């Protein structure tokens, strides 16, 4: 029997271990800017909501409580500009990575079906296609793809890793093309509330979709905007004709968000102040790291949004990784996100203020 793991690529992060050891040997310790995992506290109102719901002995529902669905629809209307969103337009999921990895399988895709994603992209888009035994390909402009057999088109704005933000006009053009050819659009918008030099727009906005959610689904996560990566809290919003069958499949599979986490999400989506505070933290870190990298001879491309700086010294990404590791700074090599990233590194903003200051001083030396 062929193992499922045989379908998967080598786990890229294992290749970074020798450089991590080098960086950790720095006298003042490592500054790990390689993985975008939040380091700041979970906001107190969210913690309190989780604790208050801790006595939850019964099974939670896959669709979530009515209070959770209300919170999802209200947030989508308030923050994304969506109109006419009902409970049937939303679906909680157990973190966005689980969703990305298993969505092609849950959609029934397989051999002969095609999944497409950006040329520089989160590796799990490819993993999801591999798990389903579907074909996969990267694009520069999705409207130049052959639509034959193309069943799933991933968008990602702001992008991980590049931070590129797709303009409203481009999103509108892509959605129209996908609908013309019957291609389902999944828009990964997990960094949408972290726009810096541009204001990210959702595919759920009526200016993009013309007031219809047919053939489009947006993916959102609370990991970054609310520091809830440890809670595994995310959700889908969009076409009920897609979400309805997914709900039934996920019921059978027991893919349910824990009851305390559901309560925490209600609290998180009802409060914009903690998002503003967290944005200020990341703004300060981004400004400091950006100036230090530029002063150290880097060029930064895109990075209009998200939690990363996409930087290059016009050399092999692994030479850059090695150079920074000697300074005790660990970054992610760009080729983790596709061959087009072979001369870039991804620098995360997710380190404490103290560690960011340490990185800045080392880059100045």
Protein backbone atom coordinates (compact mmCIF):
# COMPACT_ATOMS: atom_id res chain seq x y z
CA UNK A 1 0.00 0.00 0.00
CA UNK A 2 1.43 3.36 -1.00
CA UNK A 3 1.71 5.69 1.96
CA UNK A 4 0.00 9.07 1.74
CA UNK A 5 3.30 10.64 2.75
CA UNK A 6 4.81 9.44 -0.54
CA UNK A 7 2.71 12.07 -2.32
CA UNK A 8 4.26 14.91 -0.35
CA UNK A 9 7.41 16.95 -0.97
CA UNK A 10 10.29 16.96 1.49
CA UNK A 11 9.38 19.10 4.48
CA UNK A 12 11.35 22.27 3.68
CA UNK A 13 11.94 23.57 7.18
CA UNK A 14 14.21 20.64 8.02
CA UNK A 15 16.80 22.18 5.64
CA UNK A 16 16.99 25.25 7.87
CA UNK A 17 18.16 23.38 10.99
CA UNK A 18 21.96 23.81 10.47
CA UNK A 19 21.50 27.56 10.05
CA UNK A 20 19.31 27.68 13.14
CA UNK A 21 22.12 26.09 15.14
CA UNK A 22 24.57 28.68 13.81
CA UNK A 23 22.24 31.54 14.73
CA UNK A 24 21.57 30.07 18.17
CA UNK A 25 25.31 30.10 18.91
CA UNK A 26 25.40 33.91 18.82
CA UNK A 27 26.54 35.29 22.20
CA UNK A 28 23.32 37.29 22.56
CA UNK A 29 21.11 34.44 21.34
CA UNK A 30 19.09 33.84 18.22
CA UNK A 31 16.68 36.30 16.63
CA UNK A 32 14.25 34.01 14.87
CA UNK A 33 12.54 35.84 12.02
CA UNK A 34 11.93 32.70 9.99
CA UNK A 35 8.46 31.56 11.04
CA UNK A 36 5.48 33.88 11.27
CA UNK A 37 4.22 32.68 14.63
CA UNK A 38 2.75 35.33 16.95
CA UNK A 39 4.70 36.14 20.11
CA UNK A 40 2.51 38.80 21.72
CA UNK A 41 -0.11 38.01 24.38
CA UNK A 42 -3.61 36.85 23.54
CA UNK A 43 -5.78 39.90 24.34
CA UNK A 44 -7.33 39.66 27.79
CA UNK A 45 -11.01 39.81 26.71
CA UNK A 46 -10.40 36.82 24.42
CA UNK A 47 -8.70 34.86 27.20
CA UNK A 48 -11.61 35.62 29.51
CA UNK A 49 -14.12 34.41 26.93
CA UNK A 50 -12.16 31.17 26.52
CA UNK A 51 -12.02 30.62 30.29
CA UNK A 52 -15.72 31.37 30.74
CA UNK A 53 -16.52 28.65 28.20
CA UNK A 54 -14.07 26.12 29.67
CA UNK A 55 -16.84 24.03 31.25
CA UNK A 56 -17.95 22.56 27.89
CA UNK A 57 -18.46 18.82 28.40
CA UNK A 58 -20.61 18.26 25.32
CA UNK A 59 -19.59 18.03 21.69
CA UNK A 60 -19.45 21.33 19.80
CA UNK A 61 -21.14 21.63 16.42
CA UNK A 62 -19.15 21.81 13.20
CA UNK A 63 -21.20 24.79 12.00
CA UNK A 64 -20.61 26.59 15.28
CA UNK A 65 -23.01 28.20 17.71
CA UNK A 66 -25.56 30.73 16.42
CA UNK A 67 -23.55 33.36 18.33
CA UNK A 68 -20.43 32.42 16.40
CA UNK A 69 -22.20 32.54 13.06
CA UNK A 70 -23.65 35.92 13.99
CA UNK A 71 -20.15 37.16 14.82
CA UNK A 72 -18.78 35.89 11.50
CA UNK A 73 -21.51 37.51 9.42
CA UNK A 74 -21.34 40.82 11.29
CA UNK A 75 -17.55 40.98 10.92
CA UNK A 76 -17.69 40.15 7.20
CA UNK A 77 -20.15 42.97 6.66
CA UNK A 78 -18.32 45.49 8.88
CA UNK A 79 -14.75 44.76 7.89
CA UNK A 80 -14.98 43.32 4.35
CA UNK A 81 -17.92 45.32 3.05
CA UNK A 82 -19.86 42.13 2.28
CA UNK A 83 -23.60 42.46 1.80
CA UNK A 84 -26.42 40.02 2.45
CA UNK A 85 -24.25 37.55 4.38
CA UNK A 86 -26.28 34.89 6.24
CA UNK A 87 -25.34 31.90 8.37
CA UNK A 88 -25.32 29.83 5.18
CA UNK A 89 -22.49 31.99 3.84
CA UNK A 90 -20.05 31.15 6.70
CA UNK A 91 -18.29 28.06 8.02
CA UNK A 92 -15.82 27.80 10.94
CA UNK A 93 -12.72 25.67 10.35
CA UNK A 94 -9.97 24.26 12.56
CA UNK A 95 -7.28 26.72 11.53
CA UNK A 96 -6.69 27.78 7.94
CA UNK A 97 -3.79 25.39 7.23
CA UNK A 98 -6.01 22.35 7.80
CA UNK A 99 -8.52 23.84 5.40
CA UNK A 100 -5.96 24.58 2.69
CA UNK A 101 -4.38 21.13 2.93
CA UNK A 102 -7.62 19.14 2.78
CA UNK A 103 -9.93 21.33 0.69
CA UNK A 104 -9.15 19.72 -2.70
CA UNK A 105 -9.89 16.31 -1.21
CA UNK A 106 -13.11 17.54 0.40
CA UNK A 107 -14.16 19.09 -2.91
CA UNK A 108 -13.76 15.68 -4.54
CA UNK A 109 -10.85 16.65 -6.76
CA UNK A 110 -8.54 13.96 -8.05
CA UNK A 111 -6.49 12.79 -11.04
CA UNK A 112 -7.15 14.95 -14.10
CA UNK A 113 -8.34 17.93 -12.06
CA UNK A 114 -6.06 20.97 -11.77
CA UNK A 115 -5.31 23.31 -8.88
CA UNK A 116 -3.50 26.61 -9.49
CA UNK A 117 -1.78 29.00 -7.09
CA UNK A 118 0.60 32.00 -7.33
CA UNK A 119 4.17 31.56 -8.59
CA UNK A 120 5.42 32.49 -5.11
CA UNK A 121 3.09 30.91 -2.58
CA UNK A 122 2.38 29.23 0.71
CA UNK A 123 3.56 25.62 0.12
CA UNK A 124 0.34 24.08 1.49
CA UNK A 125 -1.57 24.97 -1.69
CA UNK A 126 0.57 22.43 -3.53
CA UNK A 127 0.36 19.97 -0.64
CA UNK A 128 -3.43 20.06 -0.81
CA UNK A 129 -3.39 19.20 -4.50
CA UNK A 130 -0.90 16.38 -3.92
CA UNK A 131 -3.02 14.88 -1.14
CA UNK A 132 -5.98 14.78 -3.52
CA UNK A 133 -3.81 13.33 -6.35
CA UNK A 134 -4.80 16.35 -8.43
CA UNK A 135 -2.49 18.16 -10.82
CA UNK A 136 -1.09 21.53 -9.76
CA UNK A 137 0.61 24.49 -11.34
CA UNK A 138 1.86 27.97 -10.45
CA UNK A 139 0.85 31.13 -12.29
CA UNK A 140 1.89 34.74 -12.76
CA UNK A 141 -1.50 35.84 -14.10
CA UNK A 142 -4.28 33.32 -13.51
CA UNK A 143 -6.29 34.58 -16.49
CA UNK A 144 -3.53 33.25 -18.75
CA UNK A 145 -4.08 29.68 -17.50
CA UNK A 146 -5.76 27.08 -19.66
CA UNK A 147 -9.15 26.72 -17.91
CA UNK A 148 -9.61 23.13 -19.13
CA UNK A 149 -9.81 20.91 -16.06
CA UNK A 150 -8.97 23.82 -13.75
CA UNK A 151 -11.21 23.26 -10.75
CA UNK A 152 -9.64 25.37 -8.00
CA UNK A 153 -7.87 28.71 -8.24
CA UNK A 154 -6.08 30.02 -5.15
CA UNK A 155 -5.60 33.74 -4.68
CA UNK A 156 -3.58 35.17 -1.79
CA UNK A 157 -3.69 38.86 -0.92
CA UNK A 158 -1.77 40.09 1.00
CA UNK A 159 0.63 37.43 -0.16
CA UNK A 160 2.65 35.05 1.93
CA UNK A 161 5.60 35.38 1.32
CA UNK A 162 5.86 38.54 -0.79
CA UNK A 163 3.33 40.80 0.91
CA UNK A 164 1.91 41.78 -2.47
CA UNK A 165 -1.62 43.20 -2.32
CA UNK A 166 -3.87 42.59 -5.32
CA UNK A 167 -5.64 45.81 -6.41
CA UNK A 168 -9.43 45.83 -6.54
CA UNK A 169 -9.43 46.06 -10.34
CA UNK A 170 -7.22 42.98 -10.65
CA UNK A 171 -9.39 40.98 -8.25
CA UNK A 172 -12.48 42.00 -10.21
CA UNK A 173 -10.90 40.90 -13.49
CA UNK A 174 -9.80 37.53 -12.07
CA UNK A 175 -13.19 36.78 -10.51
CA UNK A 176 -14.96 37.59 -13.78
CA UNK A 177 -12.58 35.33 -15.74
CA UNK A 178 -13.00 32.45 -13.26
CA UNK A 179 -16.78 32.70 -13.40
CA UNK A 180 -16.72 32.74 -17.19
CA UNK A 181 -14.84 29.44 -17.15
CA UNK A 182 -16.56 27.80 -14.18
CA UNK A 183 -13.48 27.86 -11.95
CA UNK A 184 -13.93 28.00 -8.17
CA UNK A 185 -11.97 30.87 -6.58
CA UNK A 186 -10.59 30.44 -3.06
CA UNK A 187 -9.14 33.71 -1.81
CA UNK A 188 -6.72 33.33 1.10
CA UNK A 189 -7.16 36.63 2.96
CA UNK A 190 -5.61 35.68 6.29
CA UNK A 191 -3.43 38.82 6.33
CA UNK A 192 -6.15 41.20 5.13
CA UNK A 193 -6.16 43.33 8.30
CA UNK A 194 -2.41 43.87 7.99
CA UNK A 195 -2.13 46.22 5.03
CA UNK A 196 0.69 48.78 5.25
CA UNK A 197 1.33 50.52 1.92
CA UNK A 198 -1.97 49.38 0.38
CA UNK A 199 -5.48 48.68 1.62
CA UNK A 200 -6.32 45.02 0.91
CA UNK A 201 -9.75 44.28 -0.56
CA UNK A 202 -11.72 41.06 -0.15
CA UNK A 203 -13.30 39.10 -2.98
CA UNK A 204 -16.47 39.38 -0.88
CA UNK A 205 -16.66 43.13 -1.55
CA UNK A 206 -19.50 43.95 -3.97
CA UNK A 207 -17.17 46.07 -6.11
CA UNK A 208 -15.23 42.87 -6.82
CA UNK A 209 -18.00 40.29 -7.09
CA UNK A 210 -20.86 42.43 -8.40
CA UNK A 211 -23.01 41.58 -5.39
CA UNK A 212 -22.94 37.81 -6.00
CA UNK A 213 -20.98 35.17 -4.08
CA UNK A 214 -21.32 32.55 -6.82
CA UNK A 215 -18.07 30.63 -7.26
CA UNK A 216 -16.06 32.52 -4.65
CA UNK A 217 -15.01 31.71 -1.09
CA UNK A 218 -12.74 33.75 1.19
CA UNK A 219 -10.51 32.20 3.84
CA UNK A 220 -9.89 34.15 7.06
CA UNK A 221 -7.87 33.42 10.16
CA UNK A 222 -7.59 34.88 13.65
CA UNK A 223 -4.02 33.63 14.09
CA UNK A 224 -2.36 36.87 12.99
CA UNK A 225 -4.88 39.65 13.68
CA UNK A 226 -5.68 38.38 17.22
CA UNK A 227 -2.59 36.30 18.15
CA UNK A 228 -4.71 33.14 18.17
CA UNK A 229 -2.44 30.73 16.29
CA UNK A 230 -2.56 28.43 19.31
CA UNK A 231 -6.36 28.39 19.30
CA UNK A 232 -6.70 27.10 15.68
CA UNK A 233 -9.46 29.51 14.75
CA UNK A 234 -10.39 30.34 11.16
CA UNK A 235 -13.43 30.45 8.92
CA UNK A 236 -14.73 30.50 5.37
CA UNK A 237 -17.18 32.98 3.90
CA UNK A 238 -18.78 32.95 0.47
CA UNK A 239 -20.83 30.75 -1.85
CA UNK A 240 -23.40 28.65 0.09
CA UNK A 241 -23.41 26.13 -2.76
CA UNK A 242 -19.79 25.36 -1.85
CA UNK A 243 -20.01 25.75 1.92
CA UNK A 244 -23.16 23.62 2.32
CA UNK A 245 -21.60 20.39 1.03
CA UNK A 246 -18.35 21.17 2.89
CA UNK A 247 -20.34 21.45 6.11
CA UNK A 248 -21.85 17.99 5.56
CA UNK A 249 -18.43 16.47 4.79
CA UNK A 250 -16.87 18.09 7.84
CA UNK A 251 -19.74 16.84 10.02
CA UNK A 252 -18.96 13.29 8.96
CA UNK A 253 -15.25 13.90 9.56
CA UNK A 254 -15.71 15.47 12.98
CA UNK A 255 -13.84 18.62 11.93
CA UNK A 256 -15.15 20.84 14.70
CA UNK A 257 -13.68 23.85 16.46
CA UNK A 258 -13.69 23.42 20.24
CA UNK A 259 -16.50 25.13 22.16
CA UNK A 260 -14.14 27.38 24.18
CA UNK A 261 -12.41 28.45 20.96
CA UNK A 262 -15.76 29.30 19.39
CA UNK A 263 -16.53 31.56 22.35
CA UNK A 264 -13.11 33.17 22.03
CA UNK A 265 -13.70 33.89 18.34
CA UNK A 266 -16.97 35.64 19.15
CA UNK A 267 -15.09 37.91 21.55
CA UNK A 268 -12.22 38.49 19.11
CA UNK A 269 -14.38 39.44 16.14
CA UNK A 270 -16.47 41.78 18.26
CA UNK A 271 -13.48 43.88 19.31
CA UNK A 272 -11.48 46.04 16.89
CA UNK A 273 -9.33 47.76 19.52
CA UNK A 274 -6.96 44.85 20.12
CA UNK A 275 -6.40 44.63 16.34
CA UNK A 276 -5.44 48.32 16.28
CA UNK A 277 -2.98 47.79 19.15
CA UNK A 278 -1.41 44.78 17.46
CA UNK A 279 -1.11 46.66 14.16
CA UNK A 280 0.81 49.41 15.98
CA UNK A 281 3.25 46.82 17.33
CA UNK A 282 3.84 45.36 13.89
CA UNK A 283 4.12 48.80 12.30
CA UNK A 284 6.97 49.73 14.65
CA UNK A 285 8.77 46.41 14.09
CA UNK A 286 8.30 46.63 10.33
CA UNK A 287 9.69 50.16 10.19
CA UNK A 288 12.74 49.26 12.27
CA UNK A 289 13.55 46.05 10.37
CA UNK A 290 12.94 47.60 6.97
CA UNK A 291 15.34 50.48 7.61
CA UNK A 292 17.97 48.11 9.03
CA UNK A 293 17.74 45.75 6.07
CA UNK A 294 17.98 48.59 3.56
CA UNK A 295 20.99 49.95 5.41
CA UNK A 296 22.60 46.49 5.27
CA UNK A 297 22.39 46.39 1.48
CA UNK A 298 19.05 44.65 0.95
CA UNK A 299 16.39 45.58 -1.57
CA UNK A 300 12.79 45.03 -0.48
CA UNK A 301 10.11 44.18 -3.04
CA UNK A 302 6.32 44.28 -2.60
CA UNK A 303 5.73 43.84 1.18
CA UNK A 304 2.73 46.20 1.00
CA UNK A 305 0.89 43.99 3.48
CA UNK A 306 1.22 40.93 5.69
CA UNK A 307 3.74 39.98 8.34
CA UNK A 308 6.90 39.69 6.25
CA UNK A 309 9.50 41.68 4.37
CA UNK A 310 10.46 40.13 1.02
CA UNK A 311 14.14 41.04 0.77
CA UNK A 312 17.11 40.31 -1.49
CA UNK A 313 20.83 41.01 -1.80
CA UNK A 314 20.73 39.69 -5.38
CA UNK A 315 22.45 36.46 -4.36
CA UNK A 316 21.38 32.90 -3.62
CA UNK A 317 18.82 32.87 -0.82
CA UNK A 318 20.91 30.27 0.99
CA UNK A 319 23.97 32.56 0.90
CA UNK A 320 21.82 35.25 2.50
CA UNK A 321 20.47 32.80 5.09
CA UNK A 322 24.03 31.78 5.97
CA UNK A 323 25.23 35.39 6.15
CA UNK A 324 22.43 36.39 8.53
CA UNK A 325 22.82 33.22 10.62
CA UNK A 326 26.37 34.33 11.39
CA UNK A 327 24.79 37.46 12.88
CA UNK A 328 22.45 35.30 14.94
CA UNK A 329 19.45 36.13 12.72
CA UNK A 330 17.38 33.33 11.19
CA UNK A 331 15.22 34.03 8.14
CA UNK A 332 13.32 31.84 5.67
CA UNK A 333 14.91 31.14 2.26
CA UNK A 334 12.75 32.33 -0.61
CA UNK A 335 12.89 29.05 -2.50
CA UNK A 336 10.66 27.50 0.18
CA UNK A 337 7.87 29.35 -1.65
CA UNK A 338 8.83 28.39 -5.20
CA UNK A 339 11.84 28.53 -7.53
CA UNK A 340 11.07 32.19 -8.30
CA UNK A 341 12.15 33.03 -4.75
CA UNK A 342 15.65 31.63 -5.07
CA UNK A 343 17.30 35.06 -4.61
CA UNK A 344 15.05 36.34 -1.82
CA UNK A 345 14.52 35.74 1.88
CA UNK A 346 11.36 36.18 3.91
CA UNK A 347 11.86 38.20 7.09
CA UNK A 348 9.05 37.86 9.64
CA UNK A 349 7.86 40.70 11.86
CA UNK A 350 6.81 38.22 14.52
CA UNK A 351 9.49 38.69 17.16
CA UNK A 352 9.39 40.59 20.42
CA UNK A 353 10.40 44.25 20.48
CA UNK A 354 13.58 43.28 22.32
CA UNK A 355 14.57 40.71 19.69
CA UNK A 356 13.77 43.10 16.85
CA UNK A 357 16.03 45.71 18.48
CA UNK A 358 18.76 43.07 18.71
CA UNK A 359 18.41 42.29 14.99
CA UNK A 360 18.54 45.97 14.10
CA UNK A 361 21.75 46.47 16.07
CA UNK A 362 23.38 43.43 14.48
CA UNK A 363 22.47 44.61 10.98
CA UNK A 364 23.99 48.01 11.73
CA UNK A 365 27.31 46.54 12.89
